[in-house]
Protein backbone atom coordinates (compact mmCIF):
# COMPACT_ATOMS: atom_id res chain seq x y z
CA MET A 1 0.00 0.00 0.00
CA SER A 2 1.41 3.38 -0.97
CA GLU A 3 2.03 5.97 1.73
CA SER A 4 -0.78 8.16 0.38
CA LEU A 5 -3.26 5.30 0.90
CA GLN A 6 -2.18 4.54 4.48
CA PRO A 7 -4.91 5.25 7.06
CA SER A 8 -4.36 8.36 9.13
CA THR A 9 -3.49 8.13 12.82
CA ALA A 10 -7.03 9.28 13.66
CA GLU A 11 -8.50 6.56 11.46
CA LEU A 12 -6.34 3.89 13.13
CA TYR A 13 -7.53 5.09 16.54
CA ALA A 14 -11.16 5.03 15.42
CA ARG A 15 -10.83 1.45 14.18
CA HIS A 16 -8.60 -0.12 16.79
CA VAL A 17 -8.40 1.89 20.07
CA ILE A 18 -11.18 1.83 22.66
CA ALA A 19 -12.49 5.37 22.94
CA THR A 20 -12.08 5.87 26.69
CA TYR A 21 -10.69 9.35 26.00
CA ALA A 22 -12.31 12.21 24.11
CA ARG A 23 -8.99 12.92 22.45
CA PHE A 24 -8.09 16.21 20.82
CA PRO A 25 -7.46 15.82 17.05
CA LEU A 26 -3.72 16.27 17.42
CA SER A 27 -1.15 13.58 16.68
CA LEU A 28 2.20 14.35 18.32
CA VAL A 29 5.37 12.85 16.90
CA ARG A 30 8.38 14.40 18.68
CA GLY A 31 9.32 16.73 21.48
CA GLU A 32 12.23 18.69 22.91
CA GLY A 33 12.11 20.43 26.26
CA ALA A 34 8.79 22.25 26.60
CA TRP A 35 7.99 21.94 22.88
CA VAL A 36 6.24 19.28 20.78
CA TRP A 37 5.59 18.85 17.06
CA ASP A 38 2.61 17.20 15.36
CA GLU A 39 2.42 15.16 12.17
CA GLU A 40 2.02 18.34 10.13
CA ASP A 41 5.24 19.71 11.73
CA ARG A 42 3.31 22.38 13.64
CA VAL A 43 5.00 23.30 16.93
CA TYR A 44 3.31 23.78 20.29
CA LEU A 45 4.34 24.86 23.77
CA ASP A 46 3.53 21.84 25.91
CA PHE A 47 2.16 23.01 29.26
CA THR A 48 0.61 19.61 29.95
CA SER A 49 3.84 17.62 30.45
CA GLY A 50 1.82 14.47 29.85
CA ILE A 51 -0.44 15.61 32.74
CA ALA A 52 2.37 16.43 35.21
CA VAL A 53 4.51 13.48 34.11
CA ASN A 54 7.38 14.85 32.00
CA THR A 55 9.27 16.47 34.87
CA LEU A 56 12.29 17.30 32.68
CA GLY A 57 10.29 17.96 29.52
CA HIS A 58 10.77 15.97 26.35
CA SER A 59 13.97 14.13 25.35
CA HIS A 60 16.14 15.35 28.21
CA PRO A 61 19.72 14.04 27.71
CA ALA A 62 20.07 12.85 31.31
CA LEU A 63 16.96 10.69 31.00
CA GLN A 64 17.97 9.39 27.59
CA ASN A 65 21.42 8.41 28.87
CA ALA A 66 20.10 6.75 32.02
CA LEU A 67 17.60 4.66 30.08
CA ALA A 68 20.09 3.67 27.39
CA THR A 69 22.79 2.71 29.89
CA GLN A 70 20.47 0.68 32.10
CA ALA A 71 18.75 -0.97 29.12
CA ALA A 72 22.12 -2.21 27.97
CA THR A 73 22.76 -3.70 31.42
CA LEU A 74 19.56 -5.04 33.01
CA ILE A 75 15.99 -4.08 32.11
CA HIS A 76 13.82 -6.25 34.34
CA VAL A 77 14.14 -8.84 37.08
CA SER A 78 11.49 -10.34 39.33
CA ASN A 79 10.90 -8.75 42.71
CA LEU A 80 11.80 -12.16 44.12
CA PHE A 81 15.37 -10.87 43.75
CA LEU A 82 17.19 -7.71 44.80
CA ASN A 83 18.26 -5.03 42.34
CA ARG A 84 20.55 -2.14 43.24
CA PRO A 85 18.73 0.69 41.38
CA GLN A 86 15.51 -0.04 43.34
CA ALA A 87 17.32 -0.06 46.69
CA GLU A 88 19.14 3.19 45.90
CA LEU A 89 15.97 4.94 44.74
CA ALA A 90 14.13 3.86 47.88
CA ALA A 91 16.89 5.36 49.99
CA ARG A 92 16.71 8.62 48.01
CA ILE A 93 12.96 8.92 48.46
CA GLY A 94 13.23 8.13 52.16
CA ALA A 95 15.78 10.91 52.54
CA MET A 96 13.45 13.22 50.61
CA VAL A 97 10.69 12.65 53.18
CA GLY A 98 13.15 12.90 56.04
CA THR A 99 11.30 10.51 58.38
CA PRO A 100 11.99 6.79 58.95
CA GLY A 101 9.83 4.61 56.71
CA LYS A 102 9.86 2.26 53.74
CA ILE A 103 8.85 2.29 50.04
CA PHE A 104 6.85 0.00 47.76
CA PHE A 105 7.28 0.50 44.01
CA CYS A 106 4.57 -0.12 41.42
CA ASN A 107 3.67 1.26 37.98
CA SER A 108 1.04 3.99 38.37
CA GLY A 109 -0.80 6.28 40.74
CA ALA A 110 -3.88 4.07 40.82
CA GLU A 111 -1.75 1.13 41.90
CA ALA A 112 0.02 3.21 44.54
CA ASN A 113 -3.34 4.21 45.97
CA GLU A 114 -4.54 0.60 45.93
CA GLY A 115 -1.56 -0.16 48.15
CA LEU A 116 -2.74 2.49 50.60
CA TYR A 117 -6.26 1.02 50.70
CA LYS A 118 -4.79 -2.36 51.57
CA LEU A 119 -2.53 -0.78 54.19
CA ALA A 120 -5.58 0.84 55.83
CA ARG A 121 -7.47 -2.44 55.91
CA LYS A 122 -4.47 -4.32 57.25
CA HIS A 123 -4.06 -1.74 60.01
CA GLY A 124 -7.73 -1.95 60.90
CA SER A 125 -8.11 -5.72 60.64
CA GLY A 126 -9.21 -7.38 63.83
CA ARG A 127 -10.74 -4.13 65.06
CA GLY A 128 -13.58 -3.89 62.55
CA ARG A 129 -11.98 -0.86 60.90
CA HIS A 130 -11.91 -0.85 57.10
CA GLU A 131 -13.50 2.42 55.96
CA ILE A 132 -11.53 5.21 54.26
CA ILE A 133 -12.79 8.80 54.30
CA SER A 134 -11.92 11.00 51.30
CA LEU A 135 -13.01 14.44 50.13
CA ASP A 136 -15.52 15.75 47.64
CA GLY A 137 -13.76 16.89 44.48
CA SER A 138 -10.92 14.43 44.95
CA PHE A 139 -9.52 12.10 42.31
CA HIS A 140 -7.76 8.88 43.31
CA GLY A 141 -7.74 6.79 40.12
CA ARG A 142 -9.98 4.65 37.92
CA THR A 143 -9.73 1.22 39.50
CA LEU A 144 -12.87 0.16 41.38
CA GLY A 145 -11.13 1.19 44.60
CA GLY A 146 -10.03 4.47 43.08
CA ILE A 147 -13.52 5.21 41.79
CA ALA A 148 -14.99 4.56 45.24
CA ALA A 149 -12.40 6.81 46.88
CA THR A 150 -12.85 9.59 44.31
CA GLY A 151 -15.24 12.34 45.35
CA GLN A 152 -16.60 13.10 41.88
CA LEU A 153 -19.90 11.66 40.66
CA LYS A 154 -18.92 11.73 36.98
CA VAL A 155 -16.16 9.17 37.64
CA LYS A 156 -18.55 6.80 39.40
CA LEU A 157 -21.43 6.76 36.89
CA GLY A 158 -22.03 3.39 35.27
CA PHE A 159 -19.77 1.41 37.61
CA GLY A 160 -22.08 0.68 40.55
CA PRO A 161 -22.64 -0.72 42.98
CA PRO A 162 -19.78 1.13 44.66
CA LEU A 163 -17.05 -0.80 46.44
CA ASP A 164 -17.80 -0.92 50.15
CA GLY A 165 -15.53 0.86 52.61
CA PHE A 166 -15.26 4.39 51.19
CA LEU A 167 -16.98 7.59 52.26
CA ASN A 168 -16.72 10.95 50.46
CA VAL A 169 -17.35 14.08 52.52
CA PRO A 170 -17.04 17.87 51.98
CA ALA A 171 -13.56 19.31 52.53
CA ARG A 172 -14.39 20.75 55.95
CA LEU A 173 -12.96 19.57 59.24
CA GLU A 174 -16.36 19.25 60.91
CA CYS A 175 -17.54 17.00 58.07
CA VAL A 176 -14.52 14.72 58.37
CA ALA A 177 -14.83 14.64 62.15
CA GLN A 178 -18.53 13.72 61.97
CA ALA A 179 -17.75 10.92 59.51
CA VAL A 180 -15.15 9.26 61.74
CA GLY A 181 -16.67 6.24 63.42
CA ALA A 182 -16.01 2.74 64.71
CA ARG A 183 -15.35 1.45 61.17
CA THR A 184 -12.93 4.23 60.11
CA ALA A 185 -9.42 3.05 59.24
CA ALA A 186 -7.95 6.09 57.45
CA VAL A 187 -8.47 9.56 56.01
CA MET A 188 -7.10 10.12 52.49
CA VAL A 189 -6.62 13.54 50.88
CA GLU A 190 -4.75 15.26 48.09
CA PRO A 191 -2.81 18.19 49.63
CA ILE A 192 -3.57 19.98 46.37
CA GLN A 193 -6.49 18.55 44.41
CA GLY A 194 -5.47 18.36 40.76
CA GLU A 195 -8.29 16.88 38.69
CA GLY A 196 -10.80 18.61 40.95
CA GLY A 197 -9.77 22.11 39.86
CA VAL A 198 -6.32 22.65 41.46
CA ARG A 199 -7.57 23.35 44.98
CA PRO A 200 -4.96 23.44 47.77
CA LEU A 201 -5.96 22.34 51.23
CA SER A 202 -5.01 24.82 53.94
CA ALA A 203 -2.15 24.27 56.37
CA ASP A 204 -4.58 24.52 59.28
CA PHE A 205 -6.83 21.87 57.73
CA LEU A 206 -3.95 19.40 57.27
CA ARG A 207 -2.70 19.97 60.81
CA ALA A 208 -6.23 19.45 62.13
CA LEU A 209 -6.56 16.22 60.14
CA ARG A 210 -3.28 15.00 61.64
CA ALA A 211 -4.56 15.72 65.14
CA LEU A 212 -7.93 14.09 64.39
CA CYS A 213 -6.31 10.90 63.10
CA ASP A 214 -4.01 10.74 66.12
CA GLU A 215 -6.98 11.21 68.45
CA HIS A 216 -8.87 8.27 66.93
CA GLY A 217 -5.92 6.00 66.17
CA ILE A 218 -6.50 6.04 62.41
CA LEU A 219 -4.11 6.60 59.51
CA LEU A 220 -3.62 9.78 57.48
CA PHE A 221 -2.81 9.30 53.77
CA TYR A 222 -1.68 11.90 51.23
CA ASP A 223 -2.30 11.21 47.53
CA GLU A 224 0.54 13.12 45.88
CA VAL A 225 0.31 11.42 42.50
CA GLN A 226 -0.05 14.81 40.82
CA CYS A 227 1.27 17.31 43.36
CA GLY A 228 4.35 15.41 44.53
CA PHE A 229 7.95 14.94 43.51
CA GLY A 230 8.84 18.58 42.84
CA ARG A 231 5.77 19.70 40.90
CA THR A 232 4.90 22.35 43.51
CA GLY A 233 8.47 23.58 43.93
CA HIS A 234 8.88 21.26 46.94
CA TRP A 235 9.79 17.61 46.97
CA CYS A 236 6.65 16.84 48.98
CA GLY A 237 3.41 18.48 47.92
CA TRP A 238 2.10 18.91 51.45
CA HIS A 239 5.07 21.20 52.21
CA ALA A 240 3.75 23.64 49.61
CA THR A 241 0.58 24.13 51.67
CA GLY A 242 2.63 25.61 54.52
CA ALA A 243 2.25 22.59 56.79
CA PRO A 244 5.46 20.53 56.54
CA ASP A 245 4.79 19.43 60.12
CA ALA A 246 1.50 17.72 59.15
CA LEU A 247 3.31 14.45 58.50
CA PRO A 248 1.18 11.68 56.96
CA ASP A 249 1.39 8.00 57.77
CA ALA A 250 1.71 7.12 54.08
CA VAL A 251 2.06 8.93 50.73
CA SER A 252 1.40 7.80 47.16
CA TRP A 253 3.40 9.11 44.18
CA ALA A 254 3.52 8.49 40.43
CA LYS A 255 3.38 10.75 37.34
CA GLY A 256 6.53 12.89 37.59
CA ILE A 257 8.62 10.43 39.56
CA GLY A 258 9.90 8.66 36.44
CA GLY A 259 10.01 11.70 34.16
CA GLY A 260 7.86 9.91 31.57
CA PHE A 261 8.82 6.32 32.32
CA PRO A 262 5.95 4.51 34.11
CA LEU A 263 6.62 4.32 37.83
CA GLY A 264 4.54 4.63 40.97
CA ALA A 265 5.39 4.29 44.64
CA PHE A 266 4.00 4.60 48.12
CA TRP A 267 5.93 5.39 51.30
CA VAL A 268 4.86 4.26 54.77
CA ARG A 269 6.32 5.68 57.97
CA GLU A 270 7.36 3.76 61.04
CA PRO A 271 5.79 1.92 62.83
CA PHE A 272 3.35 1.02 60.04
CA ASP A 273 5.96 0.21 57.37
CA ASP A 274 5.99 -3.52 58.12
CA LEU A 275 2.22 -4.08 58.08
CA LEU A 276 2.37 -5.37 54.50
CA GLY A 277 4.64 -8.35 54.90
CA PRO A 278 5.59 -11.18 52.50
CA GLY A 279 2.62 -12.40 50.47
CA THR A 280 0.32 -9.45 51.30
CA HIS A 281 1.10 -7.29 48.26
CA GLY A 282 3.06 -7.54 45.03
CA THR A 283 3.81 -6.36 41.52
CA THR A 284 5.44 -7.83 38.44
CA TYR A 285 6.98 -4.72 36.90
CA GLY A 286 7.14 -2.24 39.78
CA GLY A 287 10.62 -1.07 40.74
CA SER A 288 12.37 -2.55 37.72
CA PRO A 289 16.02 -1.58 37.24
CA LEU A 290 15.05 0.45 34.15
CA ALA A 291 12.27 2.41 35.86
CA CYS A 292 14.40 3.13 38.91
CA ALA A 293 17.35 4.26 36.79
CA ALA A 294 15.03 6.75 35.09
CA ALA A 295 13.75 8.06 38.43
CA LYS A 296 17.28 8.42 39.79
CA ALA A 297 18.19 10.50 36.74
CA VAL A 298 15.16 12.72 37.39
CA PHE A 299 16.22 13.12 41.02
CA ASP A 300 19.81 13.96 40.05
CA THR A 301 18.76 16.51 37.42
CA ILE A 302 16.29 18.29 39.70
CA GLU A 303 19.06 18.72 42.26
CA LYS A 304 21.82 19.58 39.77
CA GLU A 305 19.76 22.18 37.89
CA ASP A 306 18.01 23.52 41.03
CA LEU A 307 14.62 22.84 39.46
CA LEU A 308 12.65 23.13 42.69
CA ALA A 309 13.61 26.81 42.84
CA ASN A 310 12.85 27.17 39.13
CA ALA A 311 9.40 25.65 39.64
CA ARG A 312 8.64 28.17 42.37
CA GLU A 313 9.95 31.12 40.35
CA ARG A 314 8.31 30.21 37.07
CA GLY A 315 5.09 29.34 38.86
CA ALA A 316 5.04 32.78 40.49
CA GLN A 317 5.69 34.34 37.08
CA LEU A 318 2.79 32.48 35.46
CA ALA A 319 0.40 33.08 38.36
CA ALA A 320 1.13 36.82 38.39
CA ALA A 321 0.61 37.09 34.64
CA ALA A 322 -2.59 35.01 34.55
CA GLY A 323 -4.07 36.85 37.51
CA LYS A 324 -4.13 40.09 35.50
CA MET A 325 -5.82 38.65 32.44
CA PRO A 326 -9.39 39.32 31.31
CA ARG A 327 -12.03 36.75 32.28
CA VAL A 328 -9.79 35.17 34.95
CA ARG A 329 -11.59 34.71 38.26
CA GLU A 330 -8.83 33.05 40.24
CA VAL A 331 -5.39 31.44 39.95
CA ARG A 332 -4.75 28.56 42.38
CA GLY A 333 -2.00 26.11 43.16
CA ALA A 334 1.71 26.10 43.89
CA GLY A 335 4.86 25.97 41.81
CA LEU A 336 4.09 24.55 38.39
CA LEU A 337 0.77 23.01 39.37
CA LEU A 338 -1.49 25.96 38.57
CA GLY A 339 -5.20 26.20 37.93
CA VAL A 340 -6.59 29.20 36.06
CA GLU A 341 -10.33 29.55 36.63
CA VAL A 342 -12.16 31.53 33.96
CA GLN A 343 -15.40 33.40 34.73
CA ASP A 344 -17.02 32.93 31.34
CA LEU A 345 -16.18 32.23 27.72
CA PRO A 346 -19.19 32.52 25.43
CA PRO A 347 -19.08 29.85 22.71
CA LEU A 348 -18.17 30.69 19.16
CA GLU A 349 -20.28 29.23 16.38
CA GLY A 350 -20.13 25.45 16.45
CA GLU A 351 -18.36 25.24 19.82
CA GLU A 352 -19.59 22.81 22.46
CA GLY A 353 -18.49 21.70 25.89
CA THR A 354 -17.58 23.38 29.14
CA VAL A 355 -15.77 26.69 29.47
CA ALA A 356 -12.55 24.83 30.27
CA LEU A 357 -12.89 22.56 27.25
CA ARG A 358 -13.63 25.44 24.88
CA LEU A 359 -10.66 27.40 26.21
CA THR A 360 -8.39 24.37 25.91
CA LYS A 361 -9.34 23.86 22.27
CA ARG A 362 -8.76 27.53 21.43
CA LEU A 363 -5.36 27.45 23.12
CA ILE A 364 -4.36 24.36 21.14
CA LYS A 365 -5.19 26.21 17.91
CA ALA A 366 -3.06 29.10 19.17
CA GLY A 367 -0.10 26.83 19.89
CA LEU A 368 -0.37 26.17 23.65
CA LEU A 369 -1.28 22.77 25.12
CA VAL A 370 -3.04 22.80 28.51
CA VAL A 371 -5.22 20.43 30.56
CA PRO A 372 -8.82 21.06 31.67
CA ALA A 373 -9.66 20.59 35.36
CA GLY A 374 -13.35 20.85 36.07
CA GLU A 375 -15.82 22.96 34.15
CA GLN A 376 -14.14 26.37 34.30
CA THR A 377 -10.47 25.72 35.14
CA ILE A 378 -7.46 24.86 33.02
CA ARG A 379 -4.20 23.51 34.42
CA LEU A 380 -0.78 24.89 33.54
CA LEU A 381 1.70 22.02 34.00
CA PRO A 382 4.94 22.83 32.16
CA PRO A 383 8.12 20.83 32.86
CA LEU A 384 10.11 21.90 35.91
CA ASN A 385 12.91 23.19 33.68
CA VAL A 386 10.66 25.54 31.70
CA THR A 387 12.30 28.90 31.04
CA ALA A 388 11.16 32.42 31.82
CA SER A 389 10.86 33.22 28.12
CA GLU A 390 8.73 30.11 27.51
CA CYS A 391 6.42 31.12 30.37
CA GLU A 392 6.19 34.61 28.91
CA GLU A 393 5.25 33.21 25.52
CA ALA A 394 2.62 30.92 27.08
CA ALA A 395 1.17 33.87 28.98
CA GLU A 396 0.97 35.92 25.78
CA ILE A 397 -0.93 33.12 24.03
CA LEU A 398 -3.34 32.71 26.96
CA HIS A 399 -3.93 36.46 27.16
CA GLY A 400 -4.56 36.68 23.43
CA VAL A 401 -7.19 33.95 23.54
CA LEU A 402 -8.93 35.35 26.62
CA ALA A 403 -8.92 38.88 25.16
CA ASP A 404 -10.37 37.78 21.81
CA ARG A 405 -12.94 40.46 20.97
CA ARG A 406 -15.15 38.01 19.06
CA VAL A 407 -16.47 36.99 22.47
């Protein structure tokens, strides 16, 4: 078949890929830093980073070299054996948290959270405690456990009956306190809700949750799949809220930890870090030498290039610029996890969808890739090594679209 008769990428998707995503009609073929190119060789500023995944942007030399070197040495071994890259990465993450504890490696955020659900039930077993309290607006993954934990109705529709043992409540201390009962095993929150509109929890709220959990002898979990591992300008997302002292009992990570290579993890502090003993949990691929080599390269580069400071500085630059733009109601978040909430955006002819979706589509046409978060908020998630000039260009594109006089 000649090249001209080959089906397009969109046609191949339509025929062969289950349509679980309402994908934008954009086929990306290569990237470099904060930039990507499509099949028509059009260039875009990528402020999605694969939804907070590409910590170092696209095609970073350090990540390329780490993957190539490790792939030529040892790609995968069973977790029935030891491998040095996994042990070294666990030590690095433990030092990042700064409190004695241990790590379990997996492949994704949903899997990391599943580990936390099992930890809660193991801790509560024998005492009739198995229930996990989470917050309205939260997002904890798309497994049946993740759906039950997620505080968004749209994620749950069509997958009932819900898995027993989860309770979603409003993000107010009195609501959490009223929900705690004889069956409660843990409270699980995102220090900064990502999918729910980029909504940080307050330092006072996190400290109060810590005290509440201590009072009742239950566990406190932080889901940092999106807000962790440097995204906020801090290694740990809960530090960005102003409450570094509100130490959780366990934390889940994924997304940015591998810089684009699939990797998830959860950390458990002493004395709960040995609750999941041999035979209680497992994974085939989690913590492979290749994945851990990638994560170590991400760690090294963040430290070498001082990218936590860059995330804070560039985030402040973007937030200040967006806050002055027309139609913007509020800018929320920390570092390079920013949500820009737009008051209104009347549809142009033929446009459908929420305000956030319409704005996202217009920005794509203008050369800026962003991620919707709720009905009226877009997320700005550039790589941690984004430059001041790239942020300025992104701000100019966003301002131009919001100031369009046709609407």
